[in-house]
Amino acid sequence: LYAAEAETLEGFGEVPEIIPIFLIHRPANNIPYATVEEE
């Protein structure tokens, strides 16, 4: 929402992005839940 507003402003430039994080279930693992995100 911040990016949508800031990007319309002349001279603002690139806007910070919070990368998505995903929850995965690994039933065979001792710790069955983990998060995955872009490196």
PDB file of all heavy atoms in Angstrom:
ATOM      1  N   LEU A   1       0.839  -1.209   0.000  1.00  0.00           N
ATOM      2  CA  LEU A   1       0.000   0.000   0.000  1.00  0.00           C
ATOM      3  C   LEU A   1       0.871   1.255   0.000  1.00  0.00           C
ATOM      4  O   LEU A   1       0.594   2.232  -0.688  1.00  0.00           O
ATOM      5  CB  LEU A   1      -0.929   0.006   1.221  1.00  0.00           C
ATOM      6  CG  LEU A   1      -1.986  -1.100   1.268  1.00  0.00           C
ATOM      7  CD1 LEU A   1      -2.673  -1.129   2.632  1.00  0.00           C
ATOM      8  CD2 LEU A   1      -3.019  -0.913   0.165  1.00  0.00           C
ATOM      9  N   TYR A   2       1.940   1.219   0.795  1.00  0.00           N
ATOM     10  CA  TYR A   2       2.917   2.322   0.868  1.00  0.00           C
ATOM     11  C   TYR A   2       3.542   2.537  -0.510  1.00  0.00           C
ATOM     12  O   TYR A   2       3.632   3.664  -0.993  1.00  0.00           O
ATOM     13  CB  TYR A   2       3.973   1.952   1.913  1.00  0.00           C
ATOM     14  CG  TYR A   2       5.220   2.807   1.983  1.00  0.00           C
ATOM     15  CD1 TYR A   2       5.153   4.147   2.353  1.00  0.00           C
ATOM     16  CD2 TYR A   2       6.480   2.248   1.738  1.00  0.00           C
ATOM     17  CE1 TYR A   2       6.313   4.917   2.463  1.00  0.00           C
ATOM     18  CE2 TYR A   2       7.638   3.013   1.856  1.00  0.00           C
ATOM     19  CZ  TYR A   2       7.547   4.339   2.220  1.00  0.00           C
ATOM     20  OH  TYR A   2       8.690   5.090   2.344  1.00  0.00           O
ATOM     21  N   ALA A   3       3.957   1.454  -1.159  1.00  0.00           N
ATOM     22  CA  ALA A   3       4.586   1.526  -2.482  1.00  0.00           C
ATOM     23  C   ALA A   3       3.627   2.127  -3.505  1.00  0.00           C
ATOM     24  O   ALA A   3       4.012   2.975  -4.310  1.00  0.00           O
ATOM     25  CB  ALA A   3       5.042   0.138  -2.924  1.00  0.00           C
ATOM     26  N   ALA A   4       2.359   1.699  -3.456  1.00  0.00           N
ATOM     27  CA  ALA A   4       1.361   2.196  -4.412  1.00  0.00           C
ATOM     28  C   ALA A   4       1.219   3.713  -4.303  1.00  0.00           C
ATOM     29  O   ALA A   4       1.059   4.412  -5.306  1.00  0.00           O
ATOM     30  CB  ALA A   4       0.020   1.519  -4.165  1.00  0.00           C
ATOM     31  N   GLU A   5       1.303   4.237  -3.074  1.00  0.00           N
ATOM     32  CA  GLU A   5       1.181   5.680  -2.862  1.00  0.00           C
ATOM     33  C   GLU A   5       2.484   6.398  -3.222  1.00  0.00           C
ATOM     34  O   GLU A   5       2.475   7.421  -3.894  1.00  0.00           O
ATOM     35  CB  GLU A   5       0.812   5.949  -1.397  1.00  0.00           C
ATOM     36  CG  GLU A   5       0.309   7.352  -1.171  1.00  0.00           C
ATOM     37  CD  GLU A   5      -0.274   7.561   0.226  1.00  0.00           C
ATOM     38  OE1 GLU A   5      -0.999   6.680   0.725  1.00  0.00           O
ATOM     39  OE2 GLU A   5       0.020   8.613   0.819  1.00  0.00           O
ATOM     40  N   ALA A   6       3.616   5.847  -2.784  1.00  0.00           N
ATOM     41  CA  ALA A   6       4.918   6.497  -2.988  1.00  0.00           C
ATOM     42  C   ALA A   6       5.337   6.509  -4.453  1.00  0.00           C
ATOM     43  O   ALA A   6       5.917   7.491  -4.930  1.00  0.00           O
ATOM     44  CB  ALA A   6       5.975   5.807  -2.141  1.00  0.00           C
ATOM     45  N   GLU A   7       5.041   5.431  -5.169  1.00  0.00           N
ATOM     46  CA  GLU A   7       5.484   5.322  -6.568  1.00  0.00           C
ATOM     47  C   GLU A   7       4.830   6.347  -7.494  1.00  0.00           C
ATOM     48  O   GLU A   7       5.341   6.636  -8.568  1.00  0.00           O
ATOM     49  CB  GLU A   7       5.228   3.899  -7.097  1.00  0.00           C
ATOM     50  CG  GLU A   7       6.256   2.907  -6.579  1.00  0.00           C
ATOM     51  CD  GLU A   7       5.882   1.449  -6.824  1.00  0.00           C
ATOM     52  OE1 GLU A   7       4.738   1.171  -7.249  1.00  0.00           O
ATOM     53  OE2 GLU A   7       6.741   0.582  -6.577  1.00  0.00           O
ATOM     54  N   THR A   8       3.710   6.918  -7.068  1.00  0.00           N
ATOM     55  CA  THR A   8       3.043   7.930  -7.893  1.00  0.00           C
ATOM     56  C   THR A   8       3.705   9.300  -7.732  1.00  0.00           C
ATOM     57  O   THR A   8       3.426  10.210  -8.501  1.00  0.00           O
ATOM     58  CB  THR A   8       1.548   8.065  -7.499  1.00  0.00           C
ATOM     59  OG1 THR A   8       1.470   8.494  -6.128  1.00  0.00           O
ATOM     60  CG2 THR A   8       0.803   6.748  -7.675  1.00  0.00           C
ATOM     61  N   LEU A   9       4.564   9.448  -6.730  1.00  0.00           N
ATOM     62  CA  LEU A   9       5.197  10.742  -6.463  1.00  0.00           C
ATOM     63  C   LEU A   9       6.444  10.918  -7.313  1.00  0.00           C
ATOM     64  O   LEU A   9       7.316  10.045  -7.348  1.00  0.00           O
ATOM     65  CB  LEU A   9       5.579  10.856  -4.981  1.00  0.00           C
ATOM     66  CG  LEU A   9       4.436  10.724  -3.969  1.00  0.00           C
ATOM     67  CD1 LEU A   9       4.983  10.656  -2.565  1.00  0.00           C
ATOM     68  CD2 LEU A   9       3.460  11.885  -4.111  1.00  0.00           C
ATOM     69  N   GLU A  10       6.530  12.061  -7.959  1.00  0.00           N
ATOM     70  CA  GLU A  10       7.687  12.341  -8.806  1.00  0.00           C
ATOM     71  C   GLU A  10       8.945  12.457  -7.942  1.00  0.00           C
ATOM     72  O   GLU A  10       8.953  13.157  -6.928  1.00  0.00           O
ATOM     73  CB  GLU A  10       7.455  13.650  -9.572  1.00  0.00           C
ATOM     74  CG  GLU A  10       8.449  13.880 -10.688  1.00  0.00           C
ATOM     75  CD  GLU A  10       8.223  15.177 -11.439  1.00  0.00           C
ATOM     76  OE1 GLU A  10       7.061  15.654 -11.448  1.00  0.00           O
ATOM     77  OE2 GLU A  10       9.191  15.712 -11.976  1.00  0.00           O
ATOM     78  N   GLY A  11       9.985  11.724  -8.324  1.00  0.00           N
ATOM     79  CA  GLY A  11      11.259  11.824  -7.609  1.00  0.00           C
ATOM     80  C   GLY A  11      11.390  10.911  -6.404  1.00  0.00           C
ATOM     81  O   GLY A  11      12.436  10.894  -5.762  1.00  0.00           O
ATOM     82  N   PHE A  12      10.344  10.143  -6.065  1.00  0.00           N
ATOM     83  CA  PHE A  12      10.447   9.261  -4.891  1.00  0.00           C
ATOM     84  C   PHE A  12      11.376   8.090  -5.194  1.00  0.00           C
ATOM     85  O   PHE A  12      12.185   7.702  -4.371  1.00  0.00           O
ATOM     86  CB  PHE A  12       9.070   8.745  -4.453  1.00  0.00           C
ATOM     87  CG  PHE A  12       9.075   8.152  -3.058  1.00  0.00           C
ATOM     88  CD1 PHE A  12       8.723   8.916  -1.961  1.00  0.00           C
ATOM     89  CD2 PHE A  12       9.442   6.821  -2.843  1.00  0.00           C
ATOM     90  CE1 PHE A  12       8.738   8.389  -0.677  1.00  0.00           C
ATOM     91  CE2 PHE A  12       9.468   6.282  -1.565  1.00  0.00           C
ATOM     92  CZ  PHE A  12       9.112   7.071  -0.477  1.00  0.00           C
ATOM     93  N   GLY A  13      11.246   7.521  -6.386  1.00  0.00           N
ATOM     94  CA  GLY A  13      12.142   6.425  -6.773  1.00  0.00           C
ATOM     95  C   GLY A  13      11.723   5.082  -6.204  1.00  0.00           C
ATOM     96  O   GLY A  13      10.560   4.872  -5.849  1.00  0.00           O
ATOM     97  N   GLU A  14      12.710   4.181  -6.068  1.00  0.00           N
ATOM     98  CA  GLU A  14      12.456   2.814  -5.612  1.00  0.00           C
ATOM     99  C   GLU A  14      11.906   2.791  -4.189  1.00  0.00           C
ATOM    100  O   GLU A  14      12.274   3.618  -3.355  1.00  0.00           O
ATOM    101  CB  GLU A  14      13.777   2.026  -5.673  1.00  0.00           C
ATOM    102  CG  GLU A  14      13.600   0.532  -5.562  1.00  0.00           C
ATOM    103  CD  GLU A  14      14.937  -0.226  -5.570  1.00  0.00           C
ATOM    104  OE1 GLU A  14      15.991   0.396  -5.814  1.00  0.00           O
ATOM    105  OE2 GLU A  14      14.896  -1.439  -5.305  1.00  0.00           O
ATOM    106  N   VAL A  15      11.011   1.849  -3.935  1.00  0.00           N
ATOM    107  CA  VAL A  15      10.357   1.741  -2.629  1.00  0.00           C
ATOM    108  C   VAL A  15      10.757   0.419  -1.969  1.00  0.00           C
ATOM    109  O   VAL A  15      10.828  -0.605  -2.642  1.00  0.00           O
ATOM    110  CB  VAL A  15       8.811   1.810  -2.789  1.00  0.00           C
ATOM    111  CG1 VAL A  15       8.123   1.773  -1.437  1.00  0.00           C
ATOM    112  CG2 VAL A  15       8.410   3.062  -3.547  1.00  0.00           C
ATOM    113  N   PRO A  16      11.030   0.427  -0.647  1.00  0.00           N
ATOM    114  CA  PRO A  16      11.380  -0.831   0.028  1.00  0.00           C
ATOM    115  C   PRO A  16      10.277  -1.881  -0.123  1.00  0.00           C
ATOM    116  O   PRO A  16       9.091  -1.548  -0.130  1.00  0.00           O
ATOM    117  CB  PRO A  16      11.525  -0.422   1.496  1.00  0.00           C
ATOM    118  CG  PRO A  16      11.798   1.046   1.464  1.00  0.00           C
ATOM    119  CD  PRO A  16      11.066   1.570   0.272  1.00  0.00           C
ATOM    120  N   GLU A  17      10.693  -3.130  -0.237  1.00  0.00           N
ATOM    121  CA  GLU A  17       9.761  -4.243  -0.393  1.00  0.00           C
ATOM    122  C   GLU A  17      10.021  -5.261   0.716  1.00  0.00           C
ATOM    123  O   GLU A  17      11.172  -5.586   1.006  1.00  0.00           O
ATOM    124  CB  GLU A  17       9.994  -4.913  -1.759  1.00  0.00           C
ATOM    125  CG  GLU A  17       9.193  -6.168  -1.970  1.00  0.00           C
ATOM    126  CD  GLU A  17       9.743  -7.070  -3.087  1.00  0.00           C
ATOM    127  OE1 GLU A  17      10.718  -6.706  -3.752  1.00  0.00           O
ATOM    128  OE2 GLU A  17       9.171  -8.164  -3.248  1.00  0.00           O
ATOM    129  N   ILE A  18       8.962  -5.731   1.346  1.00  0.00           N
ATOM    130  CA  ILE A  18       9.104  -6.800   2.337  1.00  0.00           C
ATOM    131  C   ILE A  18       8.837  -8.104   1.588  1.00  0.00           C
ATOM    132  O   ILE A  18       7.763  -8.274   1.011  1.00  0.00           O
ATOM    133  CB  ILE A  18       8.142  -6.608   3.526  1.00  0.00           C
ATOM    134  CG1 ILE A  18       8.525  -5.328   4.289  1.00  0.00           C
ATOM    135  CG2 ILE A  18       8.177  -7.818   4.455  1.00  0.00           C
ATOM    136  CD1 ILE A  18       7.545  -4.900   5.357  1.00  0.00           C
ATOM    137  N   ILE A  19       9.836  -8.980   1.576  1.00  0.00           N
ATOM    138  CA  ILE A  19       9.696 -10.206   0.779  1.00  0.00           C
ATOM    139  C   ILE A  19       8.711 -11.166   1.446  1.00  0.00           C
ATOM    140  O   ILE A  19       8.577 -11.180   2.673  1.00  0.00           O
ATOM    141  CB  ILE A  19      11.065 -10.892   0.521  1.00  0.00           C
ATOM    142  CG1 ILE A  19      11.712 -11.355   1.832  1.00  0.00           C
ATOM    143  CG2 ILE A  19      11.999  -9.974  -0.262  1.00  0.00           C
ATOM    144  CD1 ILE A  19      12.950 -12.231   1.630  1.00  0.00           C
ATOM    145  N   PRO A  20       8.013 -11.986   0.644  1.00  0.00           N
ATOM    146  CA  PRO A  20       7.059 -12.940   1.239  1.00  0.00           C
ATOM    147  C   PRO A  20       7.780 -14.076   1.952  1.00  0.00           C
ATOM    148  O   PRO A  20       8.911 -14.418   1.610  1.00  0.00           O
ATOM    149  CB  PRO A  20       6.277 -13.458   0.030  1.00  0.00           C
ATOM    150  CG  PRO A  20       7.176 -13.250  -1.138  1.00  0.00           C
ATOM    151  CD  PRO A  20       8.039 -12.056  -0.817  1.00  0.00           C
ATOM    152  N   ILE A  21       7.120 -14.623   2.944  1.00  0.00           N
ATOM    153  CA  ILE A  21       7.655 -15.780   3.674  1.00  0.00           C
ATOM    154  C   ILE A  21       6.582 -16.865   3.661  1.00  0.00           C
ATOM    155  O   ILE A  21       5.393 -16.565   3.811  1.00  0.00           O
ATOM    156  CB  ILE A  21       8.082 -15.372   5.108  1.00  0.00           C
ATOM    157  CG1 ILE A  21       8.755 -16.522   5.836  1.00  0.00           C
ATOM    158  CG2 ILE A  21       6.932 -14.817   5.901  1.00  0.00           C
ATOM    159  CD1 ILE A  21       9.430 -16.106   7.148  1.00  0.00           C
ATOM    160  N   PHE A  22       6.983 -18.102   3.421  1.00  0.00           N
ATOM    161  CA  PHE A  22       6.025 -19.201   3.275  1.00  0.00           C
ATOM    162  C   PHE A  22       6.242 -20.257   4.352  1.00  0.00           C
ATOM    163  O   PHE A  22       7.380 -20.554   4.719  1.00  0.00           O
ATOM    164  CB  PHE A  22       6.163 -19.846   1.889  1.00  0.00           C
ATOM    165  CG  PHE A  22       5.999 -18.867   0.766  1.00  0.00           C
ATOM    166  CD1 PHE A  22       7.115 -18.321   0.141  1.00  0.00           C
ATOM    167  CD2 PHE A  22       4.742 -18.464   0.348  1.00  0.00           C
ATOM    168  CE1 PHE A  22       6.974 -17.402  -0.897  1.00  0.00           C
ATOM    169  CE2 PHE A  22       4.586 -17.547  -0.686  1.00  0.00           C
ATOM    170  CZ  PHE A  22       5.703 -17.016  -1.309  1.00  0.00           C
ATOM    171  N   LEU A  23       5.148 -20.807   4.823  1.00  0.00           N
ATOM    172  CA  LEU A  23       5.192 -21.874   5.823  1.00  0.00           C
ATOM    173  C   LEU A  23       5.074 -23.207   5.092  1.00  0.00           C
ATOM    174  O   LEU A  23       4.185 -23.396   4.268  1.00  0.00           O
ATOM    175  CB  LEU A  23       4.020 -21.706   6.796  1.00  0.00           C
ATOM    176  CG  LEU A  23       3.925 -22.733   7.930  1.00  0.00           C
ATOM    177  CD1 LEU A  23       5.075 -22.560   8.918  1.00  0.00           C
ATOM    178  CD2 LEU A  23       2.588 -22.599   8.642  1.00  0.00           C
ATOM    179  N   ILE A  24       6.001 -24.125   5.383  1.00  0.00           N
ATOM    180  CA  ILE A  24       5.886 -25.453   4.779  1.00  0.00           C
ATOM    181  C   ILE A  24       5.799 -26.513   5.878  1.00  0.00           C
ATOM    182  O   ILE A  24       6.365 -26.344   6.964  1.00  0.00           O
ATOM    183  CB  ILE A  24       7.058 -25.771   3.804  1.00  0.00           C
ATOM    184  CG1 ILE A  24       8.419 -25.687   4.518  1.00  0.00           C
ATOM    185  CG2 ILE A  24       7.029 -24.876   2.588  1.00  0.00           C
ATOM    186  CD1 ILE A  24       9.533 -26.360   3.744  1.00  0.00           C
ATOM    187  N   HIS A  25       5.088 -27.585   5.572  1.00  0.00           N
ATOM    188  CA  HIS A  25       4.940 -28.700   6.504  1.00  0.00           C
ATOM    189  C   HIS A  25       5.782 -29.857   5.993  1.00  0.00           C
ATOM    190  O   HIS A  25       5.655 -30.272   4.839  1.00  0.00           O
ATOM    191  CB  HIS A  25       3.458 -29.099   6.603  1.00  0.00           C
ATOM    192  CG  HIS A  25       3.215 -30.184   7.599  1.00  0.00           C
ATOM    193  ND1 HIS A  25       2.409 -31.258   7.350  1.00  0.00           N
ATOM    194  CD2 HIS A  25       3.694 -30.370   8.866  1.00  0.00           C
ATOM    195  CE1 HIS A  25       2.389 -32.053   8.403  1.00  0.00           C
ATOM    196  NE2 HIS A  25       3.161 -31.541   9.328  1.00  0.00           N
ATOM    197  N   ARG A  26       6.670 -30.347   6.881  1.00  0.00           N
ATOM    198  CA  ARG A  26       7.539 -31.476   6.506  1.00  0.00           C
ATOM    199  C   ARG A  26       7.244 -32.631   7.466  1.00  0.00           C
ATOM    200  O   ARG A  26       7.900 -32.768   8.500  1.00  0.00           O
ATOM    201  CB  ARG A  26       9.008 -31.061   6.616  1.00  0.00           C
ATOM    202  CG  ARG A  26       9.337 -29.782   5.841  1.00  0.00           C
ATOM    203  CD  ARG A  26      10.747 -29.308   6.105  1.00  0.00           C
ATOM    204  NE  ARG A  26      10.961 -29.007   7.512  1.00  0.00           N
ATOM    205  CZ  ARG A  26      12.149 -28.722   8.043  1.00  0.00           C
ATOM    206  NH1 ARG A  26      13.220 -28.708   7.288  1.00  0.00           N
ATOM    207  NH2 ARG A  26      12.275 -28.458   9.314  1.00  0.00           N
ATOM    208  N   PRO A  27       6.242 -33.455   7.168  1.00  0.00           N
ATOM    209  CA  PRO A  27       5.793 -34.486   8.117  1.00  0.00           C
ATOM    210  C   PRO A  27       6.864 -35.494   8.515  1.00  0.00           C
ATOM    211  O   PRO A  27       6.829 -36.021   9.621  1.00  0.00           O
ATOM    212  CB  PRO A  27       4.632 -35.171   7.400  1.00  0.00           C
ATOM    213  CG  PRO A  27       4.670 -34.708   5.994  1.00  0.00           C
ATOM    214  CD  PRO A  27       5.446 -33.446   5.938  1.00  0.00           C
ATOM    215  N   ALA A  28       7.845 -35.755   7.673  1.00  0.00           N
ATOM    216  CA  ALA A  28       8.880 -36.756   7.999  1.00  0.00           C
ATOM    217  C   ALA A  28      10.011 -36.180   8.850  1.00  0.00           C
ATOM    218  O   ALA A  28      10.863 -36.915   9.343  1.00  0.00           O
ATOM    219  CB  ALA A  28       9.459 -37.328   6.705  1.00  0.00           C
ATOM    220  N   ASN A  29       9.996 -34.857   9.058  1.00  0.00           N
ATOM    221  CA  ASN A  29      11.098 -34.205   9.767  1.00  0.00           C
ATOM    222  C   ASN A  29      10.801 -34.091  11.264  1.00  0.00           C
ATOM    223  O   ASN A  29       9.642 -33.990  11.665  1.00  0.00           O
ATOM    224  CB  ASN A  29      11.303 -32.807   9.160  1.00  0.00           C
ATOM    225  CG  ASN A  29      12.664 -32.252   9.454  1.00  0.00           C
ATOM    226  OD1 ASN A  29      12.955 -31.933  10.595  1.00  0.00           O
ATOM    227  ND2 ASN A  29      13.485 -32.125   8.422  1.00  0.00           N
ATOM    228  N   ASN A  30      11.853 -34.079  12.094  1.00  0.00           N
ATOM    229  CA  ASN A  30      11.690 -33.879  13.550  1.00  0.00           C
ATOM    230  C   ASN A  30      11.038 -32.539  13.863  1.00  0.00           C
ATOM    231  O   ASN A  30      10.280 -32.410  14.812  1.00  0.00           O
ATOM    232  CB  ASN A  30      13.049 -33.945  14.256  1.00  0.00           C
ATOM    233  CG  ASN A  30      13.587 -35.366  14.314  1.00  0.00           C
ATOM    234  OD1 ASN A  30      12.814 -36.316  14.142  1.00  0.00           O
ATOM    235  ND2 ASN A  30      14.875 -35.511  14.534  1.00  0.00           N
ATOM    236  N   ILE A  31      11.404 -31.510  13.095  1.00  0.00           N
ATOM    237  CA  ILE A  31      10.764 -30.195  13.228  1.00  0.00           C
ATOM    238  C   ILE A  31       9.842 -30.083  12.010  1.00  0.00           C
ATOM    239  O   ILE A  31      10.301 -29.801  10.896  1.00  0.00           O
ATOM    240  CB  ILE A  31      11.812 -29.061  13.253  1.00  0.00           C
ATOM    241  CG1 ILE A  31      12.797 -29.300  14.407  1.00  0.00           C
ATOM    242  CG2 ILE A  31      11.142 -27.706  13.393  1.00  0.00           C
ATOM    243  CD1 ILE A  31      14.052 -28.479  14.347  1.00  0.00           C
ATOM    244  N   PRO A  32       8.543 -30.372  12.194  1.00  0.00           N
ATOM    245  CA  PRO A  32       7.641 -30.521  11.045  1.00  0.00           C
ATOM    246  C   PRO A  32       7.309 -29.238  10.281  1.00  0.00           C
ATOM    247  O   PRO A  32       6.844 -29.302   9.158  1.00  0.00           O
ATOM    248  CB  PRO A  32       6.388 -31.137  11.643  1.00  0.00           C
ATOM    249  CG  PRO A  32       6.427 -30.760  13.083  1.00  0.00           C
ATOM    250  CD  PRO A  32       7.863 -30.633  13.464  1.00  0.00           C
ATOM    251  N   TYR A  33       7.528 -28.055  10.899  1.00  0.00           N
ATOM    252  CA  TYR A  33       7.188 -26.810  10.208  1.00  0.00           C
ATOM    253  C   TYR A  33       8.443 -25.973   9.995  1.00  0.00           C
ATOM    254  O   TYR A  33       9.313 -25.907  10.860  1.00  0.00           O
ATOM    255  CB  TYR A  33       6.163 -25.994  11.000  1.00  0.00           C
ATOM    256  CG  TYR A  33       4.801 -26.630  10.992  1.00  0.00           C
ATOM    257  CD1 TYR A  33       4.390 -27.447  12.048  1.00  0.00           C
ATOM    258  CD2 TYR A  33       3.938 -26.440   9.921  1.00  0.00           C
ATOM    259  CE1 TYR A  33       3.137 -28.051  12.033  1.00  0.00           C
ATOM    260  CE2 TYR A  33       2.686 -27.042   9.896  1.00  0.00           C
ATOM    261  CZ  TYR A  33       2.295 -27.846  10.951  1.00  0.00           C
ATOM    262  OH  TYR A  33       1.066 -28.439  10.919  1.00  0.00           O
ATOM    263  N   ALA A  34       8.523 -25.344   8.839  1.00  0.00           N
ATOM    264  CA  ALA A  34       9.653 -24.471   8.532  1.00  0.00           C
ATOM    265  C   ALA A  34       9.162 -23.328   7.654  1.00  0.00           C
ATOM    266  O   ALA A  34       8.074 -23.397   7.070  1.00  0.00           O
ATOM    267  CB  ALA A  34      10.742 -25.250   7.811  1.00  0.00           C
ATOM    268  N   THR A  35       9.964 -22.267   7.610  1.00  0.00           N
ATOM    269  CA  THR A  35       9.628 -21.152   6.728  1.00  0.00           C
ATOM    270  C   THR A  35      10.615 -21.120   5.571  1.00  0.00           C
ATOM    271  O   THR A  35      11.773 -21.504   5.721  1.00  0.00           O
ATOM    272  CB  THR A  35       9.678 -19.806   7.482  1.00  0.00           C
ATOM    273  OG1 THR A  35      10.983 -19.637   8.034  1.00  0.00           O
ATOM    274  CG2 THR A  35       8.639 -19.743   8.581  1.00  0.00           C
ATOM    275  N   VAL A  36      10.119 -20.667   4.447  1.00  0.00           N
ATOM    276  CA  VAL A  36      10.950 -20.559   3.252  1.00  0.00           C
ATOM    277  C   VAL A  36      10.778 -19.151   2.697  1.00  0.00           C
ATOM    278  O   VAL A  36       9.657 -18.635   2.623  1.00  0.00           O
ATOM    279  CB  VAL A  36      10.503 -21.580   2.173  1.00  0.00           C
ATOM    280  CG1 VAL A  36      11.359 -21.449   0.919  1.00  0.00           C
ATOM    281  CG2 VAL A  36      10.571 -22.991   2.709  1.00  0.00           C
ATOM    282  N   GLU A  37      11.911 -18.538   2.345  1.00  0.00           N
ATOM    283  CA  GLU A  37      11.856 -17.229   1.706  1.00  0.00           C
ATOM    284  C   GLU A  37      13.036 -17.074   0.767  1.00  0.00           C
ATOM    285  O   GLU A  37      14.002 -17.841   0.817  1.00  0.00           O
ATOM    286  CB  GLU A  37      11.825 -16.108   2.747  1.00  0.00           C
ATOM    287  CG  GLU A  37      13.055 -16.029   3.618  1.00  0.00           C
ATOM    288  CD  GLU A  37      12.949 -14.948   4.692  1.00  0.00           C
ATOM    289  OE1 GLU A  37      12.163 -13.998   4.568  1.00  0.00           O
ATOM    290  OE2 GLU A  37      13.693 -15.083   5.671  1.00  0.00           O
ATOM    291  N   GLU A  38      12.956 -16.049  -0.066  1.00  0.00           N
ATOM    292  CA  GLU A  38      14.021 -15.749  -1.021  1.00  0.00           C
ATOM    293  C   GLU A  38      15.326 -15.461  -0.271  1.00  0.00           C
ATOM    294  O   GLU A  38      15.316 -14.811   0.778  1.00  0.00           O
ATOM    295  CB  GLU A  38      13.586 -14.503  -1.814  1.00  0.00           C
ATOM    296  CG  GLU A  38      14.596 -13.953  -2.772  1.00  0.00           C
ATOM    297  CD  GLU A  38      14.168 -12.595  -3.349  1.00  0.00           C
ATOM    298  OE1 GLU A  38      12.987 -12.219  -3.216  1.00  0.00           O
ATOM    299  OE2 GLU A  38      15.029 -11.926  -3.919  1.00  0.00           O
ATOM    300  N   GLU A  39      16.430 -15.933  -0.806  1.00  0.00           N
ATOM    301  CA  GLU A  39      17.731 -15.645  -0.191  1.00  0.00           C
ATOM    302  C   GLU A  39      18.168 -14.253  -0.620  1.00  0.00           C
ATOM    303  O   GLU A  39      18.154 -13.924  -1.809  1.00  0.00           O
ATOM    304  CB  GLU A  39      18.769 -16.674  -0.646  1.00  0.00           C
ATOM    305  CG  GLU A  39      20.115 -16.471   0.025  1.00  0.00           C
ATOM    306  CD  GLU A  39      21.193 -17.428  -0.479  1.00  0.00           C
ATOM    307  OE1 GLU A  39      20.919 -18.216  -1.415  1.00  0.00           O
ATOM    308  OE2 GLU A  39      22.306 -17.371   0.053  1.00  0.00           O
TER     309      GLU A  39
END
